[in-house]
Amino acid sequence: MDFGPESPPRRLEVTVVLLDDGLSSTAVMPVEIFHSAGALWRELHGEAPEPRFRVTTASLDGRPVRSPYGLGLTPHAALDDIERADVVIVPTSGTEIDGKLEQNRALTAWLRRQYDAGAYVAGVCMGAMYLAEAGLLDGRPATTHWAFAAEFARRWPRAIWKPELMVTEEARVLCSGGIHASVDVSLYLIEKLCGHDVAVQCAKALLLDMPRLSQAGYAVLPLSPDHRDERVRAAEAYLKANYRQGLSIRALAAEAGLGERTLVRRFKAATGRQPGAYLQALRVELAKAMLERDCDPIQAVSSAVGYDDAAFFRGLFKRATGMTPAQYRARFGPAEVRARAAAYA
């Protein structure tokens, strides 16, 4: 569906699904972004708009939907009124998974039909569960909000869940993680279908960033899943109390009352990490908390979490979060720090 340089732009049909109890921004933002593509930038420069998409909103039965906080949205149509779409956007619809799947069960068959007819189908945040229920994610990469990734992986094990990513795509099936990722997946599709220039112009006109591809820096994942190994819990508590010290397997094993080899084996089985990787992840989480709260120099943060070599700490932090410590602070730190970073950007 790419627009060649010699071809006149053809308006592609976008259907944004509206669902009761959904977070309205995950539907409204795609409506506004697709509507702006090819149009707003040109209008701002005194040129005739060339809209690239025709956007239609549709609820299951054509009736208005209401968000949890009382905002009503009136659709253009019912799902059955949509004969064919080039792009379908499925927003998030609340955190009660079983109830929402039952309430919106007509959506999954409709999604399957649209996909089989050639549509790109994108699930925003928890909207990915409808794609999974329709079987569209089987054997394909998928993402969702980091907080629900483990539950989704349990329910739909045939999907290849990648919660570290903000956007996934394979064979016209897309997912995005988090509410703001409705922006990411919309711009991603505009770039894919209309080219880089149109996507950048759309982003600039709306003062948006181009799509983020990782949610690693946003996630607040537990260091380990729930487990009942009391010996390993003792080792975890020891690491949390002594994270500034270098890792000693001997001391850790003694604290847990296990042999060293047994400790390493049981620690990995219970937490999913080797003790050294667990300690690194713990230190990164502590550093993130300091960067969000304080204005201390990066060297001071590095030393506080156990790394005297600030360059090594920066590299480790970036691998874990996708951002340098300075970039992380500029995004999530105190207001005065964010303002200073913006002034010198």
C-alpha atoms as a PDB file:
ATOM      1  CA  MET A   1       0.000   0.000   0.000  1.00  0.00           C
ATOM      2  CA  ASP A   2       2.997   2.313  -0.221  1.00  0.00           C
ATOM      3  CA  PHE A   3       2.474   5.534  -2.116  1.00  0.00           C
ATOM      4  CA  GLY A   4       5.016   5.763  -4.921  1.00  0.00           C
ATOM      5  CA  PRO A   5       6.552   9.093  -5.867  1.00  0.00           C
ATOM      6  CA  GLU A   6       4.598   9.231  -9.129  1.00  0.00           C
ATOM      7  CA  SER A   7       1.284   7.948  -7.788  1.00  0.00           C
ATOM      8  CA  PRO A   8      -1.439  10.264  -6.512  1.00  0.00           C
ATOM      9  CA  PRO A   9      -2.130   9.549  -2.855  1.00  0.00           C
ATOM     10  CA  ARG A  10      -4.986   7.179  -2.275  1.00  0.00           C
ATOM     11  CA  ARG A  11      -6.944   7.599   0.921  1.00  0.00           C
ATOM     12  CA  LEU A  12      -6.771   4.423   2.958  1.00  0.00           C
ATOM     13  CA  GLU A  13      -9.665   3.353   5.141  1.00  0.00           C
ATOM     14  CA  VAL A  14      -8.963   3.308   8.879  1.00  0.00           C
ATOM     15  CA  THR A  15     -11.468   1.900  11.349  1.00  0.00           C
ATOM     16  CA  VAL A  16     -10.924   2.752  15.005  1.00  0.00           C
ATOM     17  CA  VAL A  17     -12.967   0.487  17.264  1.00  0.00           C
ATOM     18  CA  LEU A  18     -14.698   2.086  20.262  1.00  0.00           C
ATOM     19  CA  LEU A  19     -15.237  -0.073  23.352  1.00  0.00           C
ATOM     20  CA  ASP A  20     -17.083   0.534  26.608  1.00  0.00           C
ATOM     21  CA  ASP A  21     -14.878   1.180  29.652  1.00  0.00           C
ATOM     22  CA  GLY A  22     -11.886   1.875  27.427  1.00  0.00           C
ATOM     23  CA  LEU A  23      -9.317   4.577  27.945  1.00  0.00           C
ATOM     24  CA  SER A  24     -10.563   7.101  25.432  1.00  0.00           C
ATOM     25  CA  SER A  25      -7.120   8.387  24.439  1.00  0.00           C
ATOM     26  CA  THR A  26      -6.205   4.999  22.959  1.00  0.00           C
ATOM     27  CA  ALA A  27      -8.995   5.500  20.435  1.00  0.00           C
ATOM     28  CA  VAL A  28      -9.041   9.304  20.086  1.00  0.00           C
ATOM     29  CA  MET A  29      -5.301   9.739  19.507  1.00  0.00           C
ATOM     30  CA  PRO A  30      -5.240   7.364  16.509  1.00  0.00           C
ATOM     31  CA  VAL A  31      -8.296   9.154  15.083  1.00  0.00           C
ATOM     32  CA  GLU A  32      -6.537  12.511  15.284  1.00  0.00           C
ATOM     33  CA  ILE A  33      -3.167  11.264  14.039  1.00  0.00           C
ATOM     34  CA  PHE A  34      -4.478   9.389  11.006  1.00  0.00           C
ATOM     35  CA  HIS A  35      -6.794  12.298  10.203  1.00  0.00           C
ATOM     36  CA  SER A  36      -3.796  14.673  10.281  1.00  0.00           C
ATOM     37  CA  ALA A  37      -1.482  12.609   8.072  1.00  0.00           C
ATOM     38  CA  GLY A  38      -0.862  14.444   4.815  1.00  0.00           C
ATOM     39  CA  ALA A  39      -3.179  17.262   5.818  1.00  0.00           C
ATOM     40  CA  LEU A  40      -2.198  19.292   8.873  1.00  0.00           C
ATOM     41  CA  TRP A  41       1.452  19.856   7.938  1.00  0.00           C
ATOM     42  CA  ARG A  42       0.438  21.134   4.516  1.00  0.00           C
ATOM     43  CA  GLU A  43      -2.264  23.370   5.979  1.00  0.00           C
ATOM     44  CA  LEU A  44       0.252  24.887   8.396  1.00  0.00           C
ATOM     45  CA  HIS A  45       2.460  25.729   5.395  1.00  0.00           C
ATOM     46  CA  GLY A  46      -0.340  27.254   3.337  1.00  0.00           C
ATOM     47  CA  GLU A  47      -0.637  24.288   0.982  1.00  0.00           C
ATOM     48  CA  ALA A  48      -3.678  22.283  -0.032  1.00  0.00           C
ATOM     49  CA  PRO A  49      -4.138  19.310   2.268  1.00  0.00           C
ATOM     50  CA  GLU A  50      -3.702  15.810   0.854  1.00  0.00           C
ATOM     51  CA  PRO A  51      -5.232  13.563   3.539  1.00  0.00           C
ATOM     52  CA  ARG A  52      -3.909  10.037   3.316  1.00  0.00           C
ATOM     53  CA  PHE A  53      -6.593   8.321   5.385  1.00  0.00           C
ATOM     54  CA  ARG A  54     -10.340   8.316   5.842  1.00  0.00           C
ATOM     55  CA  VAL A  55     -11.069   7.539   9.496  1.00  0.00           C
ATOM     56  CA  THR A  56     -14.254   5.833  10.702  1.00  0.00           C
ATOM     57  CA  THR A  57     -15.084   4.985  14.297  1.00  0.00           C
ATOM     58  CA  ALA A  58     -17.216   1.942  15.025  1.00  0.00           C
ATOM     59  CA  SER A  59     -18.648   0.346  18.154  1.00  0.00           C
ATOM     60  CA  LEU A  60     -19.981  -3.184  18.374  1.00  0.00           C
ATOM     61  CA  ASP A  61     -23.595  -2.131  17.814  1.00  0.00           C
ATOM     62  CA  GLY A  62     -23.232   1.453  16.565  1.00  0.00           C
ATOM     63  CA  ARG A  63     -24.287   2.912  19.902  1.00  0.00           C
ATOM     64  CA  PRO A  64     -22.235   5.392  21.950  1.00  0.00           C
ATOM     65  CA  VAL A  65     -19.681   4.018  24.387  1.00  0.00           C
ATOM     66  CA  ARG A  66     -18.624   5.453  27.710  1.00  0.00           C
ATOM     67  CA  SER A  67     -15.247   5.561  29.416  1.00  0.00           C
ATOM     68  CA  PRO A  68     -14.790   4.649  33.115  1.00  0.00           C
ATOM     69  CA  TYR A  69     -14.625   8.360  33.936  1.00  0.00           C
ATOM     70  CA  GLY A  70     -17.846   9.239  32.114  1.00  0.00           C
ATOM     71  CA  LEU A  71     -16.644  10.529  28.764  1.00  0.00           C
ATOM     72  CA  GLY A  72     -19.016   9.437  25.996  1.00  0.00           C
ATOM     73  CA  LEU A  73     -17.940   8.725  22.425  1.00  0.00           C
ATOM     74  CA  THR A  74     -20.416   8.392  19.574  1.00  0.00           C
ATOM     75  CA  PRO A  75     -19.262   6.188  16.673  1.00  0.00           C
ATOM     76  CA  HIS A  76     -19.887   6.688  12.991  1.00  0.00           C
ATOM     77  CA  ALA A  77     -21.031   3.095  12.515  1.00  0.00           C
ATOM     78  CA  ALA A  78     -21.457  -0.404  13.882  1.00  0.00           C
ATOM     79  CA  LEU A  79     -18.816  -3.041  13.194  1.00  0.00           C
ATOM     80  CA  ASP A  80     -21.097  -4.838  10.744  1.00  0.00           C
ATOM     81  CA  ASP A  81     -21.435  -1.626   8.736  1.00  0.00           C
ATOM     82  CA  ILE A  82     -17.716  -1.724   7.923  1.00  0.00           C
ATOM     83  CA  GLU A  83     -17.333  -3.676   4.708  1.00  0.00           C
ATOM     84  CA  ARG A  84     -13.577  -3.434   4.511  1.00  0.00           C
ATOM     85  CA  ALA A  85     -10.782  -1.535   6.226  1.00  0.00           C
ATOM     86  CA  ASP A  86      -7.133  -1.071   5.297  1.00  0.00           C
ATOM     87  CA  VAL A  87      -6.212  -0.448   8.940  1.00  0.00           C
ATOM     88  CA  VAL A  88      -8.030  -1.461  12.131  1.00  0.00           C
ATOM     89  CA  ILE A  89      -7.094  -0.017  15.521  1.00  0.00           C
ATOM     90  CA  VAL A  90      -8.310  -1.811  18.664  1.00  0.00           C
ATOM     91  CA  PRO A  91      -7.997   0.311  21.829  1.00  0.00           C
ATOM     92  CA  THR A  92      -7.675  -0.855  25.389  1.00  0.00           C
ATOM     93  CA  SER A  93     -10.927  -1.637  27.197  1.00  0.00           C
ATOM     94  CA  GLY A  94     -10.302  -2.025  30.911  1.00  0.00           C
ATOM     95  CA  THR A  95      -8.332  -4.406  33.091  1.00  0.00           C
ATOM     96  CA  GLU A  96     -10.990  -7.059  33.786  1.00  0.00           C
ATOM     97  CA  ILE A  97      -9.908  -9.550  31.154  1.00  0.00           C
ATOM     98  CA  ASP A  98     -12.543 -12.294  31.335  1.00  0.00           C
ATOM     99  CA  GLY A  99     -15.478  -9.918  31.534  1.00  0.00           C
ATOM    100  CA  LYS A 100     -14.256  -7.791  28.633  1.00  0.00           C
ATOM    101  CA  LEU A 101     -13.578 -10.773  26.404  1.00  0.00           C
ATOM    102  CA  GLU A 102     -17.102 -11.997  27.031  1.00  0.00           C
ATOM    103  CA  GLN A 103     -18.677  -8.558  26.598  1.00  0.00           C
ATOM    104  CA  ASN A 104     -16.822  -7.939  23.327  1.00  0.00           C
ATOM    105  CA  ARG A 105     -16.724 -11.477  21.950  1.00  0.00           C
ATOM    106  CA  ALA A 106     -18.260 -10.346  18.616  1.00  0.00           C
ATOM    107  CA  LEU A 107     -15.127  -8.288  18.027  1.00  0.00           C
ATOM    108  CA  THR A 108     -12.778 -11.256  17.610  1.00  0.00           C
ATOM    109  CA  ALA A 109     -14.596 -12.823  14.651  1.00  0.00           C
ATOM    110  CA  TRP A 110     -14.879  -9.390  13.002  1.00  0.00           C
ATOM    111  CA  LEU A 111     -11.132  -8.823  13.441  1.00  0.00           C
ATOM    112  CA  ARG A 112     -10.407 -12.166  11.843  1.00  0.00           C
ATOM    113  CA  ARG A 113     -12.574 -11.281   8.842  1.00  0.00           C
ATOM    114  CA  GLN A 114     -10.925  -7.891   8.396  1.00  0.00           C
ATOM    115  CA  TYR A 115      -7.469  -9.425   8.629  1.00  0.00           C
ATOM    116  CA  ASP A 116      -8.342 -12.147   6.127  1.00  0.00           C
ATOM    117  CA  ALA A 117      -9.556  -9.405   3.768  1.00  0.00           C
ATOM    118  CA  GLY A 118      -6.129  -7.748   3.906  1.00  0.00           C
ATOM    119  CA  ALA A 119      -6.327  -5.216   6.746  1.00  0.00           C
ATOM    120  CA  TYR A 120      -3.505  -4.236   9.053  1.00  0.00           C
ATOM    121  CA  VAL A 121      -4.810  -4.963  12.568  1.00  0.00           C
ATOM    122  CA  ALA A 122      -3.256  -3.196  15.583  1.00  0.00           C
ATOM    123  CA  GLY A 123      -4.006  -3.774  19.262  1.00  0.00           C
ATOM    124  CA  VAL A 124      -3.181  -0.887  21.601  1.00  0.00           C
ATOM    125  CA  CYS A 125      -2.051  -1.808  25.110  1.00  0.00           C
ATOM    126  CA  MET A 126      -4.575  -4.368  26.447  1.00  0.00           C
ATOM    127  CA  GLY A 127      -6.349  -4.288  23.090  1.00  0.00           C
ATOM    128  CA  ALA A 128      -3.808  -6.955  22.142  1.00  0.00           C
ATOM    129  CA  MET A 129      -5.944  -9.484  24.014  1.00  0.00           C
ATOM    130  CA  TYR A 130      -8.618  -9.318  21.308  1.00  0.00           C
ATOM    131  CA  LEU A 131      -6.019 -10.060  18.637  1.00  0.00           C
ATOM    132  CA  ALA A 132      -4.755 -12.960  20.737  1.00  0.00           C
ATOM    133  CA  GLU A 133      -8.278 -14.288  21.274  1.00  0.00           C
ATOM    134  CA  ALA A 134      -8.864 -14.121  17.511  1.00  0.00           C
ATOM    135  CA  GLY A 135      -5.752 -16.249  16.947  1.00  0.00           C
ATOM    136  CA  LEU A 136      -3.988 -13.460  15.076  1.00  0.00           C
ATOM    137  CA  LEU A 137      -0.985 -13.523  17.416  1.00  0.00           C
ATOM    138  CA  ASP A 138      -0.288 -17.256  17.214  1.00  0.00           C
ATOM    139  CA  GLY A 139       3.375 -17.692  16.333  1.00  0.00           C
ATOM    140  CA  ARG A 140       3.874 -13.950  15.994  1.00  0.00           C
ATOM    141  CA  PRO A 141       5.669 -11.357  18.137  1.00  0.00           C
ATOM    142  CA  ALA A 142       3.364  -9.348  20.382  1.00  0.00           C
ATOM    143  CA  THR A 143       3.535  -6.806  23.154  1.00  0.00           C
ATOM    144  CA  THR A 144       1.223  -5.163  25.656  1.00  0.00           C
ATOM    145  CA  HIS A 145       1.496  -3.085  28.806  1.00  0.00           C
ATOM    146  CA  TRP A 146       4.381  -4.473  30.859  1.00  0.00           C
ATOM    147  CA  ALA A 147       2.145  -5.038  33.884  1.00  0.00           C
ATOM    148  CA  PHE A 148      -0.058  -7.536  32.000  1.00  0.00           C
ATOM    149  CA  ALA A 149       2.602  -9.291  29.938  1.00  0.00           C
ATOM    150  CA  ALA A 150       2.962 -12.307  32.239  1.00  0.00           C
ATOM    151  CA  GLU A 151      -0.808 -12.862  32.423  1.00  0.00           C
ATOM    152  CA  PHE A 152      -1.161 -12.571  28.664  1.00  0.00           C
ATOM    153  CA  ALA A 153       1.693 -15.035  28.153  1.00  0.00           C
ATOM    154  CA  ARG A 154      -0.083 -17.499  30.447  1.00  0.00           C
ATOM    155  CA  ARG A 155      -3.414 -17.126  28.664  1.00  0.00           C
ATOM    156  CA  TRP A 156      -2.118 -17.029  25.097  1.00  0.00           C
ATOM    157  CA  PRO A 157       1.137 -19.019  25.072  1.00  0.00           C
ATOM    158  CA  ARG A 158       1.203 -19.375  21.284  1.00  0.00           C
ATOM    159  CA  ALA A 159       2.049 -15.694  20.877  1.00  0.00           C
ATOM    160  CA  ILE A 160       5.700 -14.681  21.144  1.00  0.00           C
ATOM    161  CA  TRP A 161       5.394 -12.046  23.860  1.00  0.00           C
ATOM    162  CA  LYS A 162       8.042  -9.321  23.865  1.00  0.00           C
ATOM    163  CA  PRO A 163       7.028  -6.908  26.656  1.00  0.00           C
ATOM    164  CA  GLU A 164      10.294  -5.009  26.313  1.00  0.00           C
ATOM    165  CA  LEU A 165       9.096  -3.636  22.958  1.00  0.00           C
ATOM    166  CA  MET A 166       6.745  -0.720  22.438  1.00  0.00           C
ATOM    167  CA  VAL A 167       5.609  -1.828  18.959  1.00  0.00           C
ATOM    168  CA  THR A 168       5.629  -5.251  17.310  1.00  0.00           C
ATOM    169  CA  GLU A 169       4.644  -6.164  13.769  1.00  0.00           C
ATOM    170  CA  GLU A 170       4.543  -9.255  11.646  1.00  0.00           C
ATOM    171  CA  ALA A 171       2.370 -10.070   8.649  1.00  0.00           C
ATOM    172  CA  ARG A 172       0.022  -7.071   9.129  1.00  0.00           C
ATOM    173  CA  VAL A 173      -0.547  -7.786  12.835  1.00  0.00           C
ATOM    174  CA  LEU A 174       0.685  -5.108  15.237  1.00  0.00           C
ATOM    175  CA  CYS A 175       0.670  -4.547  18.992  1.00  0.00           C
ATOM    176  CA  SER A 176       1.750  -1.614  21.102  1.00  0.00           C
ATOM    177  CA  GLY A 177       2.430  -1.338  24.818  1.00  0.00           C
ATOM    178  CA  GLY A 178       0.846   1.295  27.033  1.00  0.00           C
ATOM    179  CA  ILE A 179      -1.639   4.093  26.507  1.00  0.00           C
ATOM    180  CA  HIS A 180       0.705   6.513  24.751  1.00  0.00           C
ATOM    181  CA  ALA A 181       1.751   3.674  22.459  1.00  0.00           C
ATOM    182  CA  SER A 182      -1.438   4.402  20.507  1.00  0.00           C
ATOM    183  CA  VAL A 183       0.621   7.326  19.185  1.00  0.00           C
ATOM    184  CA  ASP A 184       3.598   5.082  18.447  1.00  0.00           C
ATOM    185  CA  VAL A 185       1.669   2.466  16.500  1.00  0.00           C
ATOM    186  CA  SER A 186      -0.280   5.121  14.560  1.00  0.00           C
ATOM    187  CA  LEU A 187       2.862   6.924  13.428  1.00  0.00           C
ATOM    188  CA  TYR A 188       4.532   3.572  12.758  1.00  0.00           C
ATOM    189  CA  LEU A 189       1.720   2.626  10.378  1.00  0.00           C
ATOM    190  CA  ILE A 190       1.744   6.032   8.703  1.00  0.00           C
ATOM    191  CA  GLU A 191       5.465   5.662   8.072  1.00  0.00           C
ATOM    192  CA  LYS A 192       4.988   2.142   6.749  1.00  0.00           C
ATOM    193  CA  LEU A 193       2.062   2.973   4.467  1.00  0.00           C
ATOM    194  CA  CYS A 194       2.869   6.543   3.432  1.00  0.00           C
ATOM    195  CA  GLY A 195       6.621   6.856   3.848  1.00  0.00           C
ATOM    196  CA  HIS A 196       9.011   8.466   6.304  1.00  0.00           C
ATOM    197  CA  ASP A 197       8.478  12.053   5.170  1.00  0.00           C
ATOM    198  CA  VAL A 198       4.705  11.995   5.721  1.00  0.00           C
ATOM    199  CA  ALA A 199       5.140  10.407   9.159  1.00  0.00           C
ATOM    200  CA  VAL A 200       7.750  12.968  10.235  1.00  0.00           C
ATOM    201  CA  GLN A 201       5.627  15.852   8.981  1.00  0.00           C
ATOM    202  CA  CYS A 202       2.616  14.485  10.856  1.00  0.00           C
ATOM    203  CA  ALA A 203       4.655  14.104  14.047  1.00  0.00           C
ATOM    204  CA  LYS A 204       6.077  17.611  13.751  1.00  0.00           C
ATOM    205  CA  ALA A 205       2.693  19.164  13.060  1.00  0.00           C
ATOM    206  CA  LEU A 206       1.259  17.537  16.208  1.00  0.00           C
ATOM    207  CA  LEU A 207       4.450  18.048  18.273  1.00  0.00           C
ATOM    208  CA  LEU A 208       4.877  14.317  18.770  1.00  0.00           C
ATOM    209  CA  ASP A 209       7.984  12.161  18.923  1.00  0.00           C
ATOM    210  CA  MET A 210       8.490   9.524  16.284  1.00  0.00           C
ATOM    211  CA  PRO A 211       7.591   6.015  17.464  1.00  0.00           C
ATOM    212  CA  ARG A 212       9.378   4.690  20.523  1.00  0.00           C
ATOM    213  CA  LEU A 213      10.356   1.062  20.031  1.00  0.00           C
ATOM    214  CA  SER A 214      11.202   0.000  23.596  1.00  0.00           C
ATOM    215  CA  GLN A 215       9.294   0.230  26.870  1.00  0.00           C
ATOM    216  CA  ALA A 216      12.225  -1.003  28.944  1.00  0.00           C
ATOM    217  CA  GLY A 217      12.736   2.378  30.582  1.00  0.00           C
ATOM    218  CA  TYR A 218       9.068   2.622  31.551  1.00  0.00           C
ATOM    219  CA  ALA A 219       8.580  -0.850  33.015  1.00  0.00           C
ATOM    220  CA  VAL A 220       8.460  -1.486  36.737  1.00  0.00           C
ATOM    221  CA  LEU A 221       8.847  -5.233  36.580  1.00  0.00           C
ATOM    222  CA  PRO A 222       9.413  -7.360  39.688  1.00  0.00           C
ATOM    223  CA  LEU A 223      12.971  -8.614  40.099  1.00  0.00           C
ATOM    224  CA  SER A 224      11.587 -12.117  40.334  1.00  0.00           C
ATOM    225  CA  PRO A 225       8.212 -13.839  39.994  1.00  0.00           C
ATOM    226  CA  ASP A 226       6.378 -15.073  43.060  1.00  0.00           C
ATOM    227  CA  HIS A 227       8.002 -18.219  44.400  1.00  0.00           C
ATOM    228  CA  ARG A 228       8.014 -20.262  47.611  1.00  0.00           C
ATOM    229  CA  ASP A 229      11.686 -21.078  47.964  1.00  0.00           C
ATOM    230  CA  GLU A 230      12.418 -19.660  51.413  1.00  0.00           C
ATOM    231  CA  ARG A 231      16.161 -20.194  51.036  1.00  0.00           C
ATOM    232  CA  VAL A 232      16.207 -18.144  47.855  1.00  0.00           C
ATOM    233  CA  ARG A 233      14.062 -15.464  49.509  1.00  0.00           C
ATOM    234  CA  ALA A 234      16.721 -15.201  52.208  1.00  0.00           C
ATOM    235  CA  ALA A 235      19.366 -14.772  49.524  1.00  0.00           C
ATOM    236  CA  GLU A 236      17.272 -12.076  47.814  1.00  0.00           C
ATOM    237  CA  ALA A 237      16.862 -10.218  51.105  1.00  0.00           C
ATOM    238  CA  TYR A 238      20.621 -10.384  51.639  1.00  0.00           C
ATOM    239  CA  LEU A 239      21.290  -8.883  48.203  1.00  0.00           C
ATOM    240  CA  LYS A 240      18.782  -6.089  48.793  1.00  0.00           C
ATOM    241  CA  ALA A 241      20.446  -5.229  52.103  1.00  0.00           C
ATOM    242  CA  ASN A 242      24.003  -5.439  50.756  1.00  0.00           C
ATOM    243  CA  TYR A 243      23.675  -4.306  47.146  1.00  0.00           C
ATOM    244  CA  ARG A 244      26.644  -1.899  47.379  1.00  0.00           C
ATOM    245  CA  GLN A 245      29.028  -4.762  48.049  1.00  0.00           C
ATOM    246  CA  GLY A 246      30.519  -6.951  45.374  1.00  0.00           C
ATOM    247  CA  LEU A 247      28.761 -10.260  44.869  1.00  0.00           C
ATOM    248  CA  SER A 248      30.126 -13.136  46.929  1.00  0.00           C
ATOM    249  CA  ILE A 249      28.484 -16.443  46.113  1.00  0.00           C
ATOM    250  CA  ARG A 250      30.061 -17.898  49.232  1.00  0.00           C
ATOM    251  CA  ALA A 251      28.451 -15.276  51.495  1.00  0.00           C
ATOM    252  CA  LEU A 252      25.150 -15.541  49.643  1.00  0.00           C
ATOM    253  CA  ALA A 253      25.126 -19.328  49.989  1.00  0.00           C
ATOM    254  CA  ALA A 254      25.937 -19.093  53.671  1.00  0.00           C
ATOM    255  CA  GLU A 255      23.059 -16.655  54.189  1.00  0.00           C
ATOM    256  CA  ALA A 256      20.692 -19.067  52.439  1.00  0.00           C
ATOM    257  CA  GLY A 257      22.096 -22.127  54.221  1.00  0.00           C
ATOM    258  CA  LEU A 258      22.904 -23.860  50.930  1.00  0.00           C
ATOM    259  CA  GLY A 259      25.954 -25.051  49.075  1.00  0.00           C
ATOM    260  CA  GLU A 260      27.217 -22.668  46.423  1.00  0.00           C
ATOM    261  CA  ARG A 261      26.228 -24.792  43.414  1.00  0.00           C
ATOM    262  CA  THR A 262      22.863 -25.598  44.929  1.00  0.00           C
ATOM    263  CA  LEU A 263      22.222 -21.912  45.621  1.00  0.00           C
ATOM    264  CA  VAL A 264      22.998 -20.871  42.034  1.00  0.00           C
ATOM    265  CA  ARG A 265      20.772 -23.610  40.632  1.00  0.00           C
ATOM    266  CA  ARG A 266      17.839 -22.871  42.952  1.00  0.00           C
ATOM    267  CA  PHE A 267      18.240 -19.094  42.636  1.00  0.00           C
ATOM    268  CA  LYS A 268      17.977 -19.293  38.832  1.00  0.00           C
ATOM    269  CA  ALA A 269      15.010 -21.668  39.019  1.00  0.00           C
ATOM    270  CA  ALA A 270      13.114 -19.424  41.461  1.00  0.00           C
ATOM    271  CA  THR A 271      13.940 -15.948  40.125  1.00  0.00           C
ATOM    272  CA  GLY A 272      14.703 -16.552  36.464  1.00  0.00           C
ATOM    273  CA  ARG A 273      18.120 -14.893  36.902  1.00  0.00           C
ATOM    274  CA  GLN A 274      21.616 -15.807  38.000  1.00  0.00           C
ATOM    275  CA  PRO A 275      22.593 -14.038  41.257  1.00  0.00           C
ATOM    276  CA  GLY A 276      24.930 -11.654  39.405  1.00  0.00           C
ATOM    277  CA  ALA A 277      22.218 -10.634  36.917  1.00  0.00           C
ATOM    278  CA  TYR A 278      19.748 -10.226  39.780  1.00  0.00           C
ATOM    279  CA  LEU A 279      22.147  -7.872  41.576  1.00  0.00           C
ATOM    280  CA  GLN A 280      22.646  -5.813  38.409  1.00  0.00           C
ATOM    281  CA  ALA A 281      18.880  -5.533  37.901  1.00  0.00           C
ATOM    282  CA  LEU A 282      18.451  -4.533  41.554  1.00  0.00           C
ATOM    283  CA  ARG A 283      21.080  -1.820  41.235  1.00  0.00           C
ATOM    284  CA  VAL A 284      19.477  -0.460  38.059  1.00  0.00           C
ATOM    285  CA  GLU A 285      16.069  -0.243  39.780  1.00  0.00           C
ATOM    286  CA  LEU A 286      17.614   1.599  42.723  1.00  0.00           C
ATOM    287  CA  ALA A 287      19.415   3.969  40.344  1.00  0.00           C
ATOM    288  CA  LYS A 288      16.148   4.650  38.497  1.00  0.00           C
ATOM    289  CA  ALA A 289      14.509   5.616  41.802  1.00  0.00           C
ATOM    290  CA  MET A 290      17.371   8.004  42.617  1.00  0.00           C
ATOM    291  CA  LEU A 291      17.263   9.594  39.160  1.00  0.00           C
ATOM    292  CA  GLU A 292      13.512  10.105  39.454  1.00  0.00           C
ATOM    293  CA  ARG A 293      13.808  11.708  42.894  1.00  0.00           C
ATOM    294  CA  ASP A 294      17.134  13.528  43.241  1.00  0.00           C
ATOM    295  CA  CYS A 295      19.474  15.832  41.352  1.00  0.00           C
ATOM    296  CA  ASP A 296      22.742  14.189  42.413  1.00  0.00           C
ATOM    297  CA  PRO A 297      25.509  13.866  39.780  1.00  0.00           C
ATOM    298  CA  ILE A 298      25.500  10.642  37.757  1.00  0.00           C
ATOM    299  CA  GLN A 299      28.832   9.670  39.329  1.00  0.00           C
ATOM    300  CA  ALA A 300      27.233   9.935  42.778  1.00  0.00           C
ATOM    301  CA  VAL A 301      24.299   7.784  41.688  1.00  0.00           C
ATOM    302  CA  SER A 302      26.692   5.227  40.207  1.00  0.00           C
ATOM    303  CA  SER A 303      28.704   5.010  43.414  1.00  0.00           C
ATOM    304  CA  ALA A 304      25.593   4.877  45.586  1.00  0.00           C
ATOM    305  CA  VAL A 305      24.371   1.711  43.883  1.00  0.00           C
ATOM    306  CA  GLY A 306      27.765   0.010  43.923  1.00  0.00           C
ATOM    307  CA  TYR A 307      29.570   1.051  40.730  1.00  0.00           C
ATOM    308  CA  ASP A 308      32.651   3.248  41.144  1.00  0.00           C
ATOM    309  CA  ASP A 309      33.196   3.109  37.386  1.00  0.00           C
ATOM    310  CA  ALA A 310      30.575   5.530  36.079  1.00  0.00           C
ATOM    311  CA  ALA A 311      31.235   4.605  32.431  1.00  0.00           C
ATOM    312  CA  PHE A 312      30.498   0.945  33.176  1.00  0.00           C
ATOM    313  CA  PHE A 313      27.341   1.990  35.042  1.00  0.00           C
ATOM    314  CA  ARG A 314      26.158   4.107  32.095  1.00  0.00           C
ATOM    315  CA  GLY A 315      26.585   1.198  29.711  1.00  0.00           C
ATOM    316  CA  LEU A 316      24.794  -1.217  32.036  1.00  0.00           C
ATOM    317  CA  PHE A 317      21.956   1.249  32.642  1.00  0.00           C
ATOM    318  CA  LYS A 318      21.465   1.883  28.921  1.00  0.00           C
ATOM    319  CA  ARG A 319      21.361  -1.829  28.134  1.00  0.00           C
ATOM    320  CA  ALA A 320      18.708  -2.298  30.799  1.00  0.00           C
ATOM    321  CA  THR A 321      16.502   0.725  30.038  1.00  0.00           C
ATOM    322  CA  GLY A 322      17.307   1.835  26.502  1.00  0.00           C
ATOM    323  CA  MET A 323      18.366   5.247  27.864  1.00  0.00           C
ATOM    324  CA  THR A 324      21.458   6.719  29.452  1.00  0.00           C
ATOM    325  CA  PRO A 325      21.069   7.801  33.096  1.00  0.00           C
ATOM    326  CA  ALA A 326      20.984  11.428  31.943  1.00  0.00           C
ATOM    327  CA  GLN A 327      18.264  10.699  29.384  1.00  0.00           C
ATOM    328  CA  TYR A 328      16.262   8.789  31.975  1.00  0.00           C
ATOM    329  CA  ARG A 329      16.479  11.683  34.430  1.00  0.00           C
ATOM    330  CA  ALA A 330      15.490  14.173  31.722  1.00  0.00           C
ATOM    331  CA  ARG A 331      12.351  12.122  31.094  1.00  0.00           C
ATOM    332  CA  PHE A 332      11.368  11.047  34.606  1.00  0.00           C
ATOM    333  CA  GLY A 333      13.332  13.249  36.999  1.00  0.00           C
ATOM    334  CA  PRO A 334      12.287  16.279  39.071  1.00  0.00           C
ATOM    335  CA  ALA A 335      10.677  19.149  37.185  1.00  0.00           C
ATOM    336  CA  GLU A 336      13.656  21.467  37.563  1.00  0.00           C
ATOM    337  CA  VAL A 337      15.960  18.837  36.051  1.00  0.00           C
ATOM    338  CA  ARG A 338      13.616  18.187  33.130  1.00  0.00           C
ATOM    339  CA  ALA A 339      13.378  21.914  32.470  1.00  0.00           C
ATOM    340  CA  ARG A 340      17.158  22.264  32.504  1.00  0.00           C
ATOM    341  CA  ALA A 341      17.539  19.350  30.106  1.00  0.00           C
ATOM    342  CA  ALA A 342      14.997  20.881  27.735  1.00  0.00           C
ATOM    343  CA  ALA A 343      16.774  24.230  27.824  1.00  0.00           C
ATOM    344  CA  TYR A 344      20.075  22.671  26.771  1.00  0.00           C
ATOM    345  CA  ALA A 345      18.683  20.110  24.318  1.00  0.00           C
END
